């Protein structure tokens, strides 16, 4: 096992459609870090529940997570509005969350040798999964900006859905994420706030890169 001190560990929390995923991917690629979009795991579980309700139980999920292929988290069918809403409800389940947390912690602290560390984004990464992360960020954006981004994303996927429906869905997801009893979304005192509402993807990336480079250099 690698010495934990030699790994770069980045923890990112954010509400839905704030741009955290795009930023985390860019940062991970730049610093050669294992990237994990933790929300996609809950989306995968939600998709399984919707499509295979008769098989949906903890034992079945244990096997799925144990044999999880990272490529399966990139499937476009996980991005639907229905899956997103179901995922925010599943995230409240204590037993499912325990399973997912174990997988996330393993990814964070034991990335494959080819990586220099890990970068995880989700809802409770900064205080639950990697509380000793070298870098903690809370990525956010205006509600309407986030709804517009998600609406455009779904349109590109040829999804027939209205902006009004997407806005309503994100409001519900925010309520679920911020108010659940288990691992709610919150900004920790030691997390750096990045508001992406009026920033381009490149500007956001450079802002975070500057923070990371300065700490690594010192």
Protein backbone atom coordinates (compact mmCIF):
# COMPACT_ATOMS: atom_id res chain seq x y z
CA UNK A 1 0.00 0.00 0.00
CA UNK A 2 1.20 3.52 -0.80
CA UNK A 3 2.14 5.90 1.94
CA UNK A 4 -0.91 8.16 2.31
CA UNK A 5 1.29 11.23 2.74
CA UNK A 6 2.65 10.83 -0.78
CA UNK A 7 -0.78 10.98 -2.34
CA UNK A 8 -2.55 14.15 -3.44
CA UNK A 9 -6.11 13.94 -2.16
CA UNK A 10 -8.72 16.39 -3.45
CA UNK A 11 -12.27 16.51 -2.06
CA UNK A 12 -15.05 18.41 -3.82
CA UNK A 13 -18.64 18.88 -2.68
CA UNK A 14 -21.36 20.63 -4.69
CA UNK A 15 -25.08 20.80 -5.41
CA UNK A 16 -26.40 19.34 -8.68
CA UNK A 17 -25.19 20.84 -11.98
CA UNK A 18 -22.76 23.32 -10.42
CA UNK A 19 -19.95 22.23 -12.74
CA UNK A 20 -18.00 20.22 -10.15
CA UNK A 21 -17.77 17.13 -12.34
CA UNK A 22 -16.24 18.98 -15.28
CA UNK A 23 -13.75 20.72 -12.99
CA UNK A 24 -12.82 17.53 -11.16
CA UNK A 25 -12.16 15.73 -14.45
CA UNK A 26 -9.90 18.54 -15.67
CA UNK A 27 -7.99 18.71 -12.39
CA UNK A 28 -7.62 14.92 -12.26
CA UNK A 29 -6.27 14.77 -15.78
CA UNK A 30 -3.83 17.63 -15.18
CA UNK A 31 -2.36 16.15 -11.97
CA UNK A 32 -2.77 12.47 -12.96
CA UNK A 33 -5.26 11.63 -10.21
CA UNK A 34 -7.86 8.87 -10.01
CA UNK A 35 -11.18 10.61 -10.61
CA UNK A 36 -14.46 9.40 -9.13
CA UNK A 37 -17.81 11.09 -9.60
CA UNK A 38 -19.43 9.63 -6.48
CA UNK A 39 -22.89 10.81 -7.52
CA UNK A 40 -22.71 8.51 -10.53
CA UNK A 41 -22.60 5.51 -8.18
CA UNK A 42 -25.94 6.54 -6.68
CA UNK A 43 -27.26 7.16 -10.19
CA UNK A 44 -26.14 3.67 -11.20
CA UNK A 45 -27.93 2.19 -8.19
CA UNK A 46 -31.03 4.27 -9.00
CA UNK A 47 -30.97 3.01 -12.60
CA UNK A 48 -30.73 -0.58 -11.35
CA UNK A 49 -33.66 -0.02 -9.00
CA UNK A 50 -35.79 1.42 -11.81
CA UNK A 51 -34.91 -1.32 -14.31
CA UNK A 52 -34.45 -4.35 -12.03
CA UNK A 53 -36.78 -3.72 -9.12
CA UNK A 54 -37.37 -7.43 -8.54
CA UNK A 55 -33.65 -8.03 -7.90
CA UNK A 56 -33.04 -4.87 -5.87
CA UNK A 57 -31.62 -5.77 -2.45
CA UNK A 58 -28.43 -5.19 -0.44
CA UNK A 59 -26.80 -8.51 -1.40
CA UNK A 60 -27.38 -7.78 -5.08
CA UNK A 61 -25.93 -4.27 -4.70
CA UNK A 62 -22.87 -5.55 -2.81
CA UNK A 63 -22.00 -7.71 -5.76
CA UNK A 64 -22.60 -4.87 -8.23
CA UNK A 65 -20.35 -2.45 -6.33
CA UNK A 66 -17.66 -5.09 -5.73
CA UNK A 67 -17.44 -5.66 -9.49
CA UNK A 68 -17.99 -2.03 -10.48
CA UNK A 69 -16.44 -1.04 -13.78
CA UNK A 70 -15.64 2.68 -13.89
CA UNK A 71 -16.68 2.79 -17.55
CA UNK A 72 -20.23 1.80 -16.59
CA UNK A 73 -20.50 5.10 -14.70
CA UNK A 74 -20.11 7.00 -17.99
CA UNK A 75 -23.27 5.59 -19.57
CA UNK A 76 -25.60 8.30 -20.83
CA UNK A 77 -28.71 6.55 -19.49
CA UNK A 78 -27.57 7.52 -15.97
CA UNK A 79 -28.10 11.21 -16.76
CA UNK A 80 -31.88 11.18 -17.04
CA UNK A 81 -33.96 13.38 -14.77
CA UNK A 82 -35.83 10.32 -13.42
CA UNK A 83 -32.57 8.62 -12.42
CA UNK A 84 -31.26 11.81 -10.77
CA UNK A 85 -34.36 12.24 -8.61
CA UNK A 86 -34.33 8.56 -7.60
CA UNK A 87 -30.61 8.79 -6.79
CA UNK A 88 -31.16 11.64 -4.31
CA UNK A 89 -33.74 9.47 -2.51
CA UNK A 90 -31.51 6.38 -2.50
CA UNK A 91 -28.70 8.46 -0.99
CA UNK A 92 -30.82 8.71 2.18
CA UNK A 93 -30.67 4.92 2.69
CA UNK A 94 -28.22 4.18 5.52
CA UNK A 95 -27.30 0.65 4.36
CA UNK A 96 -26.73 1.66 0.74
CA UNK A 97 -24.69 4.67 1.80
CA UNK A 98 -22.47 2.47 3.97
CA UNK A 99 -21.70 0.26 0.96
CA UNK A 100 -20.95 3.20 -1.30
CA UNK A 101 -18.82 4.96 1.34
CA UNK A 102 -16.55 1.92 1.70
CA UNK A 103 -15.98 1.89 -2.07
CA UNK A 104 -15.32 5.64 -2.17
CA UNK A 105 -12.83 5.56 0.71
CA UNK A 106 -10.91 2.75 -0.98
CA UNK A 107 -10.70 4.81 -4.19
CA UNK A 108 -9.55 7.89 -2.29
CA UNK A 109 -6.81 6.27 -0.22
CA UNK A 110 -5.78 3.36 -2.42
CA UNK A 111 -5.79 4.52 -6.04
CA UNK A 112 -3.95 2.32 -8.60
CA UNK A 113 -0.17 2.85 -8.64
CA UNK A 114 -0.25 4.71 -11.95
CA UNK A 115 -2.00 7.66 -10.25
CA UNK A 116 -0.42 10.35 -8.04
CA UNK A 117 -3.50 10.53 -5.87
CA UNK A 118 -7.26 10.90 -6.06
CA UNK A 119 -9.97 13.46 -6.73
CA UNK A 120 -13.53 12.73 -5.65
CA UNK A 121 -16.59 14.92 -6.02
CA UNK A 122 -19.99 14.46 -4.43
CA UNK A 123 -22.06 15.70 -1.49
CA UNK A 124 -20.15 14.58 1.63
CA UNK A 125 -16.59 14.10 0.39
CA UNK A 126 -14.92 16.93 2.35
CA UNK A 127 -16.06 15.76 5.78
CA UNK A 128 -17.11 12.12 5.47
CA UNK A 129 -14.98 10.42 2.81
CA UNK A 130 -11.68 12.37 2.80
CA UNK A 131 -11.70 14.50 5.98
CA UNK A 132 -7.90 14.86 5.76
CA UNK A 133 -7.88 15.87 2.08
CA UNK A 134 -5.02 18.11 0.98
CA UNK A 135 -7.50 20.32 -0.87
CA UNK A 136 -11.19 20.87 -0.18
CA UNK A 137 -13.52 22.79 -2.48
CA UNK A 138 -17.21 23.62 -2.39
CA UNK A 139 -18.37 24.31 -5.95
CA UNK A 140 -21.68 26.11 -6.38
CA UNK A 141 -23.70 28.25 -8.79
CA UNK A 142 -27.00 30.10 -8.98
CA UNK A 143 -30.04 27.76 -9.09
CA UNK A 144 -31.25 29.04 -12.47
CA UNK A 145 -27.76 28.80 -13.94
CA UNK A 146 -27.51 25.19 -12.78
CA UNK A 147 -30.95 24.36 -14.19
CA UNK A 148 -30.02 25.91 -17.53
CA UNK A 149 -26.79 23.93 -17.68
CA UNK A 150 -28.55 20.65 -16.92
CA UNK A 151 -31.30 21.48 -19.43
CA UNK A 152 -28.69 22.10 -22.17
CA UNK A 153 -26.91 18.88 -21.22
CA UNK A 154 -30.12 16.87 -21.52
CA UNK A 155 -31.02 18.55 -24.83
CA UNK A 156 -27.68 17.41 -26.28
CA UNK A 157 -28.62 13.88 -25.25
CA UNK A 158 -31.88 14.31 -27.21
CA UNK A 159 -33.94 14.14 -24.03
CA UNK A 160 -37.43 15.60 -24.39
CA UNK A 161 -37.78 17.70 -21.27
CA UNK A 162 -38.63 21.31 -20.45
CA UNK A 163 -36.46 23.83 -18.61
CA UNK A 164 -39.28 24.26 -16.08
CA UNK A 165 -39.22 20.52 -15.30
CA UNK A 166 -35.44 20.54 -14.89
CA UNK A 167 -35.60 23.58 -12.58
CA UNK A 168 -38.22 21.87 -10.43
CA UNK A 169 -36.16 18.67 -10.33
CA UNK A 170 -33.01 20.47 -9.17
CA UNK A 171 -34.99 22.30 -6.47
CA UNK A 172 -36.19 18.91 -5.18
CA UNK A 173 -32.68 17.47 -5.36
CA UNK A 174 -31.26 20.45 -3.44
CA UNK A 175 -33.90 19.99 -0.74
CA UNK A 176 -33.08 16.28 -0.46
CA UNK A 177 -29.32 16.82 -0.49
CA UNK A 178 -29.19 19.65 2.04
CA UNK A 179 -31.80 18.28 4.45
CA UNK A 180 -31.22 14.53 4.67
CA UNK A 181 -30.17 13.24 8.09
CA UNK A 182 -27.34 11.06 6.73
CA UNK A 183 -24.37 12.90 5.18
CA UNK A 184 -26.18 16.08 4.07
CA UNK A 185 -24.61 18.47 1.58
CA UNK A 186 -22.85 21.29 3.42
CA UNK A 187 -19.83 23.53 3.09
CA UNK A 188 -17.18 22.83 5.70
CA UNK A 189 -15.18 25.68 7.25
CA UNK A 190 -11.98 24.45 5.63
CA UNK A 191 -13.46 24.17 2.12
CA UNK A 192 -12.69 26.87 -0.44
CA UNK A 193 -15.85 28.27 -2.03
CA UNK A 194 -15.86 28.49 -5.84
CA UNK A 195 -18.94 30.05 -7.46
CA UNK A 196 -19.07 29.10 -11.14
CA UNK A 197 -22.17 31.14 -12.08
CA UNK A 198 -20.24 33.76 -14.05
CA UNK A 199 -17.04 31.87 -14.79
CA UNK A 200 -16.06 29.87 -17.86
CA UNK A 201 -14.86 26.26 -17.47
CA UNK A 202 -11.31 27.41 -18.22
CA UNK A 203 -11.45 30.24 -15.66
CA UNK A 204 -12.70 27.84 -12.98
CA UNK A 205 -9.96 25.35 -13.78
CA UNK A 206 -7.22 28.00 -13.62
CA UNK A 207 -8.56 29.33 -10.31
CA UNK A 208 -8.38 25.91 -8.69
CA UNK A 209 -5.05 25.07 -10.35
CA UNK A 210 -3.49 28.22 -8.89
CA UNK A 211 -4.60 27.25 -5.38
CA UNK A 212 -3.23 23.71 -5.75
CA UNK A 213 0.06 24.78 -7.35
CA UNK A 214 0.76 27.36 -4.64
CA UNK A 215 0.30 24.80 -1.85
CA UNK A 216 2.33 22.11 -3.62
CA UNK A 217 5.13 24.59 -4.29
CA UNK A 218 5.26 25.67 -0.67
